[in-house]
Amino acid sequence: MTLRKLIDDKGRLTPGVIDHPVDEINYLDYDLRSVMDRPRSRLARRWRFNQFQFVSAMAPGWVFGMALVDLKLVANGFFYLYDFETGTKYEQSFLQPFARGTRIEPLPEHG
């Protein structure tokens, strides 16, 4: 079975609507260029792409959300729960310098 990747073999995104699920977000294969149209190194590509995962759930009376954000120099994680009936919001967040120990899988269905 061939994985359906976000970036094609030439390092480009396919424009338009994707009519199938993406199995892998292969952002390191993107043909990232400098302002002088020179290819950027693999290290530069790794440091230029920020990633996040966000999940939310809602029911009558409340909403919940949580995220993990990898900005390379820092990672941020947070969650919140908001109770519509009482107006109470519970929240917690953390920062991790240099995103130590932060890993966001490039597999949307299995990360």
Protein backbone atom coordinates (compact mmCIF):
# COMPACT_ATOMS: atom_id res chain seq x y z
CA MET A 1 0.00 0.00 0.00
CA THR A 2 1.39 3.39 -1.02
CA LEU A 3 1.16 6.21 1.50
CA ARG A 4 -0.64 9.30 0.23
CA LYS A 5 1.69 12.16 1.04
CA LEU A 6 0.96 15.89 1.24
CA ILE A 7 4.07 16.87 -0.78
CA ASP A 8 4.62 15.28 -4.21
CA ASP A 9 7.87 13.80 -5.57
CA LYS A 10 8.92 17.20 -6.94
CA GLY A 11 8.59 18.91 -3.55
CA ARG A 12 5.32 20.71 -4.33
CA LEU A 13 1.88 20.89 -2.78
CA THR A 14 -0.94 19.86 -5.06
CA PRO A 15 -3.22 22.88 -5.51
CA GLY A 16 -6.98 22.60 -5.04
CA VAL A 17 -9.11 20.28 -2.98
CA ILE A 18 -7.60 16.94 -2.00
CA ASP A 19 -10.26 14.29 -2.53
CA HIS A 20 -8.64 11.63 -0.35
CA PRO A 21 -7.16 11.47 3.15
CA VAL A 22 -3.48 12.33 3.54
CA ASP A 23 -1.55 9.51 5.21
CA GLU A 24 1.64 11.45 5.84
CA ILE A 25 2.44 15.14 6.23
CA ASN A 26 5.90 14.92 4.68
CA TYR A 27 6.81 18.58 5.20
CA LEU A 28 10.57 17.89 5.01
CA ASP A 29 10.13 16.95 1.33
CA TYR A 30 8.82 20.45 0.50
CA ASP A 31 11.06 22.39 -1.90
CA LEU A 32 11.68 25.32 0.45
CA ARG A 33 13.65 28.10 -1.23
CA SER A 34 15.52 31.19 -0.08
CA VAL A 35 14.54 34.65 -1.30
CA MET A 36 17.25 34.18 -3.95
CA ASP A 37 15.51 30.96 -5.12
CA ARG A 38 18.19 28.66 -3.75
CA PRO A 39 17.12 25.37 -2.15
CA ARG A 40 17.18 25.48 1.65
CA SER A 41 19.00 22.77 3.61
CA ARG A 42 17.17 19.96 5.40
CA LEU A 43 18.08 21.61 8.71
CA ALA A 44 16.58 24.93 7.55
CA ARG A 45 13.41 23.13 6.45
CA ARG A 46 13.14 21.41 9.82
CA TRP A 47 13.50 24.73 11.70
CA ARG A 48 11.17 26.70 9.39
CA PHE A 49 8.08 24.52 9.77
CA ASN A 50 6.00 24.87 12.90
CA GLN A 51 3.50 22.17 13.81
CA PHE A 52 0.48 21.78 16.00
CA GLN A 53 -2.24 19.31 16.92
CA PHE A 54 -5.58 20.56 18.21
CA VAL A 55 -8.53 18.55 19.48
CA SER A 56 -11.88 19.93 20.57
CA ALA A 57 -15.09 18.43 21.88
CA MET A 58 -18.42 20.07 22.62
CA ALA A 59 -21.64 19.01 24.30
CA PRO A 60 -24.70 20.88 25.54
CA GLY A 61 -23.37 23.07 28.31
CA TRP A 62 -19.60 22.81 27.76
CA VAL A 63 -16.69 22.94 25.31
CA PHE A 64 -13.25 21.40 25.71
CA GLY A 65 -10.08 21.98 23.71
CA MET A 66 -6.44 21.05 23.89
CA ALA A 67 -3.39 21.59 21.73
CA LEU A 68 0.27 20.82 21.43
CA VAL A 69 2.29 23.41 19.48
CA ASP A 70 5.90 22.91 18.35
CA LEU A 71 7.57 26.22 17.41
CA LYS A 72 11.08 24.70 17.58
CA LEU A 73 12.43 27.32 20.02
CA VAL A 74 9.59 26.62 22.41
CA ALA A 75 6.72 24.16 22.69
CA ASN A 76 3.36 25.12 24.13
CA GLY A 77 0.66 22.83 25.40
CA PHE A 78 -2.71 23.87 26.75
CA PHE A 79 -6.20 22.71 27.52
CA TYR A 80 -9.39 24.41 28.55
CA LEU A 81 -12.89 23.49 29.63
CA TYR A 82 -15.62 26.12 29.50
CA ASP A 83 -18.95 25.64 31.24
CA PHE A 84 -21.62 27.70 29.44
CA GLU A 85 -24.11 27.46 32.30
CA THR A 86 -21.85 28.89 35.01
CA GLY A 87 -19.46 30.88 32.81
CA THR A 88 -16.54 29.10 34.48
CA LYS A 89 -13.40 28.40 32.49
CA TYR A 90 -10.76 25.94 33.63
CA GLU A 91 -7.46 26.14 31.83
CA GLN A 92 -3.86 25.07 32.06
CA SER A 93 -0.87 25.66 29.84
CA PHE A 94 2.84 24.99 29.82
CA LEU A 95 5.92 26.07 27.88
CA GLN A 96 8.89 23.84 27.11
CA PRO A 97 12.12 25.64 26.10
CA PHE A 98 13.58 24.44 22.80
CA ALA A 99 10.62 22.04 22.53
CA ARG A 100 12.58 19.39 24.44
CA GLY A 101 10.75 16.08 24.37
CA THR A 102 8.05 17.39 22.02
CA ARG A 103 7.17 15.15 19.10
CA ILE A 104 4.29 15.61 16.72
CA GLU A 105 3.86 12.65 14.42
CA PRO A 106 3.47 13.41 10.68
CA LEU A 107 0.73 10.74 10.43
CA PRO A 108 -2.66 12.47 10.90
CA GLU A 109 -4.62 9.25 11.39
CA HIS A 110 -2.08 7.49 13.61
CA GLY A 111 -0.08 10.22 15.41
